[in-house]
Every structure is written in structure tokens, then in C-alpha cells.
Amino acid sequence: MNDHHSVSIVMIEDDEGHARLIEKNIRRAGILNDINHFTDGTRALDYLFNHRNGPALNGPALILLDLNLPDMSGADILAKIKGSPALKRTPVVVLTTTDDKVEIERCYDLGANIYITKPVNYESFAQAIRQLGLFLSVIQVPDIEGED
């Protein structure tokens, strides 16, 4: 066990250009946590649930989730994450090209924490990332056992 457990960021985004932009914005906002990037839902879910370094087995993460993936809908992934006892408290940021109110509503109903429309406007993204910075500091694994 390492004494200071950093939150890893899992980015599920099939568009390489968007992925690079998002990563650049995260770095510009001063967040240096590891980013694990997946381009499809199947590999992402396998990592999230089964990988020894994945969040289900290894602790806190933050998930950046694109809704339009080649193999499955991001909403399905969101439902799986929020339906899992191991992952349901993991913050999920939904990134998508749709600003359809119904879709946004559905994501919040499923438990999304933040919803960002692409192409990502740097200001709104930076704002969200700052909120996430708060998430990231809050979900660090506590050093002191038993304090909540």
C-alpha cells in the first residue's frame, strides 16, 4: 500500500482529438493525476471492474465518460458504474456532443455528477475541473482510519 493514494482519472472517449484536448485542459487546470484512456466501453468496463489497478479493486477514481461510444452507450456504462456497490460513489463526468435535455436529465437520473457538452468550452471545462479538483481532494483515501 502506498501511503498517499492518488485518484486516477479514467477517460472513456473514442475520439482521439477530443481525448487530447480534454487531457490538455486537465493538465492546464493543474491536475496531474494519472489518466487511463479507453476508446471503447468494453475495455473500459473490464478495467473499471476487473483490473487489479482498476477502481473497483483499487480505490478511488474519477470517470470522464463520452456518451457516444462505438460499442455501447455511455448511459449503459454510467448505469453499470452507479449500480455497482464498489463504484457507485465514483464521480462521473459525462462528456457529449448532445445538449438534448432528455439525455442530460437521464444522465443525472443515472447518477452523473457533472455534464459537459463538447466541443468542450475551455471556461466551462476549467470550471468543472475545478469542482473536480474539490472532488479529487475529497476522495483521497484518508490517512486516519475511522474518521469520516
Protein backbone atom coordinates (compact mmCIF):
# COMPACT_ATOMS: atom_id res chain seq x y z
CA MET A 1 0.00 0.00 0.00
CA ASN A 2 1.36 3.41 -0.81
CA ASP A 3 0.78 5.96 1.90
CA HIS A 4 -0.66 8.64 -0.37
CA HIS A 5 -3.16 7.19 -2.77
CA SER A 6 -3.77 9.43 -5.74
CA VAL A 7 -7.08 9.34 -7.53
CA SER A 8 -6.75 8.04 -11.07
CA ILE A 9 -8.74 9.51 -13.90
CA VAL A 10 -10.41 7.11 -16.31
CA MET A 11 -11.29 8.71 -19.62
CA ILE A 12 -13.68 6.81 -21.88
CA GLU A 13 -13.64 8.70 -25.17
CA ASP A 14 -13.38 7.27 -28.69
CA ASP A 15 -12.37 10.49 -30.44
CA GLU A 16 -8.58 10.91 -30.16
CA GLY A 17 -8.77 14.65 -30.86
CA HIS A 18 -11.29 15.20 -28.07
CA ALA A 19 -9.27 12.97 -25.76
CA ARG A 20 -6.11 15.01 -26.33
CA LEU A 21 -7.99 18.28 -25.84
CA ILE A 22 -9.56 17.04 -22.60
CA GLU A 23 -6.20 15.84 -21.31
CA LYS A 24 -4.61 19.19 -22.20
CA ASN A 25 -7.39 21.03 -20.35
CA ILE A 26 -6.99 18.81 -17.30
CA ARG A 27 -3.24 19.49 -17.23
CA ARG A 28 -3.81 23.23 -17.76
CA ALA A 29 -6.11 23.20 -14.75
CA GLY A 30 -3.17 21.90 -12.73
CA ILE A 31 -4.41 18.35 -12.22
CA LEU A 32 -1.55 15.90 -12.57
CA ASN A 33 -3.31 12.64 -11.70
CA ASP A 34 -2.76 9.65 -13.99
CA ILE A 35 -5.18 9.42 -16.89
CA ASN A 36 -6.15 5.99 -18.19
CA HIS A 37 -7.69 6.41 -21.62
CA PHE A 38 -10.05 3.90 -23.25
CA THR A 39 -11.65 4.25 -26.67
CA ASP A 40 -14.47 1.77 -26.15
CA GLY A 41 -16.84 0.72 -23.40
CA THR A 42 -15.90 -2.96 -23.34
CA ARG A 43 -12.25 -2.37 -22.43
CA ALA A 44 -13.16 0.48 -20.07
CA LEU A 45 -15.65 -1.67 -18.12
CA ASP A 46 -13.16 -4.52 -17.95
CA TYR A 47 -10.60 -2.11 -16.47
CA LEU A 48 -13.09 -0.48 -14.08
CA PHE A 49 -14.40 -3.76 -12.68
CA ASN A 50 -11.71 -6.40 -13.16
CA HIS A 51 -8.28 -4.86 -13.40
CA ARG A 52 -6.13 -5.08 -10.28
CA ASN A 53 -5.31 -1.37 -10.62
CA GLY A 54 -8.88 -0.51 -11.55
CA PRO A 55 -11.20 1.42 -9.23
CA ALA A 56 -13.43 -1.50 -8.17
CA LEU A 57 -10.43 -3.31 -6.66
CA ASN A 58 -8.03 -0.48 -6.05
CA GLY A 59 -9.91 2.52 -4.77
CA PRO A 60 -10.86 5.99 -5.89
CA ALA A 61 -11.08 7.23 -9.41
CA LEU A 62 -12.84 9.85 -11.39
CA ILE A 63 -14.51 8.87 -14.64
CA LEU A 64 -14.81 11.06 -17.74
CA LEU A 65 -17.42 9.39 -19.90
CA ASP A 66 -18.33 10.05 -23.51
CA LEU A 67 -21.90 9.02 -24.28
CA ASN A 68 -21.35 8.07 -27.92
CA LEU A 69 -19.02 5.09 -27.98
CA PRO A 70 -18.54 2.63 -30.83
CA ASP A 71 -19.65 -0.47 -28.92
CA MET A 72 -22.19 0.65 -26.33
CA SER A 73 -23.95 3.67 -24.96
CA GLY A 74 -22.24 5.74 -22.30
CA ALA A 75 -25.54 5.78 -20.42
CA ASP A 76 -25.30 1.98 -20.08
CA ILE A 77 -21.78 2.31 -18.69
CA LEU A 78 -22.99 5.01 -16.30
CA ALA A 79 -25.81 2.73 -15.11
CA LYS A 80 -23.34 -0.13 -14.54
CA ILE A 81 -20.97 2.13 -12.59
CA LYS A 82 -23.70 3.61 -10.41
CA GLY A 83 -25.31 0.18 -9.93
CA SER A 84 -22.11 -1.29 -8.54
CA PRO A 85 -21.55 -1.18 -4.77
CA ALA A 86 -17.79 -0.84 -5.38
CA LEU A 87 -18.11 2.06 -7.82
CA LYS A 88 -21.36 3.86 -7.10
CA ARG A 89 -19.65 6.72 -5.22
CA THR A 90 -17.17 7.30 -8.04
CA PRO A 91 -17.71 10.76 -9.56
CA VAL A 92 -18.65 10.58 -13.23
CA VAL A 93 -18.37 13.49 -15.65
CA VAL A 94 -20.41 12.97 -18.78
CA LEU A 95 -18.90 14.46 -21.94
CA THR A 96 -21.05 14.51 -25.03
CA THR A 97 -21.87 16.34 -28.22
CA THR A 98 -25.60 16.33 -27.45
CA ASP A 99 -27.27 19.05 -25.42
CA ASP A 100 -30.57 17.19 -25.56
CA LYS A 101 -32.40 17.99 -22.31
CA VAL A 102 -33.89 14.50 -22.07
CA GLU A 103 -30.46 12.89 -22.40
CA ILE A 104 -28.98 15.27 -19.82
CA GLU A 105 -31.84 14.56 -17.43
CA ARG A 106 -31.38 10.82 -17.90
CA CYS A 107 -27.67 11.04 -17.10
CA TYR A 108 -28.37 12.97 -13.90
CA ASP A 109 -31.07 10.42 -13.01
CA LEU A 110 -28.50 7.66 -13.51
CA GLY A 111 -26.12 9.46 -11.14
CA ALA A 112 -23.81 11.59 -13.29
CA ASN A 113 -22.09 14.31 -11.24
CA ILE A 114 -21.33 16.82 -13.98
CA TYR A 115 -22.46 17.08 -17.58
CA ILE A 116 -20.26 18.82 -20.16
CA THR A 117 -21.18 19.40 -23.79
CA LYS A 118 -18.50 19.03 -26.47
CA PRO A 119 -16.78 20.63 -28.19
CA VAL A 120 -15.54 21.47 -24.74
CA ASN A 121 -15.57 25.16 -24.00
CA TYR A 122 -12.38 25.72 -22.02
CA GLU A 123 -14.00 28.03 -19.47
CA SER A 124 -16.86 25.70 -18.56
CA PHE A 125 -14.49 22.76 -18.60
CA ALA A 126 -12.00 24.56 -16.36
CA GLN A 127 -14.85 25.35 -14.01
CA ALA A 128 -15.93 21.71 -13.94
CA ILE A 129 -12.35 20.60 -13.45
CA ARG A 130 -12.01 22.99 -10.52
CA GLN A 131 -15.09 21.36 -8.99
CA LEU A 132 -13.45 18.03 -9.69
CA GLY A 133 -10.30 19.26 -8.04
CA LEU A 134 -12.51 19.54 -4.97
CA PHE A 135 -13.84 16.03 -5.61
CA LEU A 136 -10.30 14.78 -6.07
CA SER A 137 -9.16 16.24 -2.78
CA VAL A 138 -12.28 14.98 -1.01
CA ILE A 139 -12.00 11.43 -2.31
CA GLN A 140 -8.35 10.97 -1.49
CA VAL A 141 -8.08 7.92 0.71
CA PRO A 142 -7.97 9.19 4.31
CA ASP A 143 -4.75 8.71 6.25
CA ILE A 144 -6.58 8.30 9.53
CA GLU A 145 -8.69 5.21 9.94
CA GLY A 146 -12.18 5.59 11.26
CA GLU A 147 -12.61 9.31 10.70
CA ASP A 148 -15.43 10.28 8.42
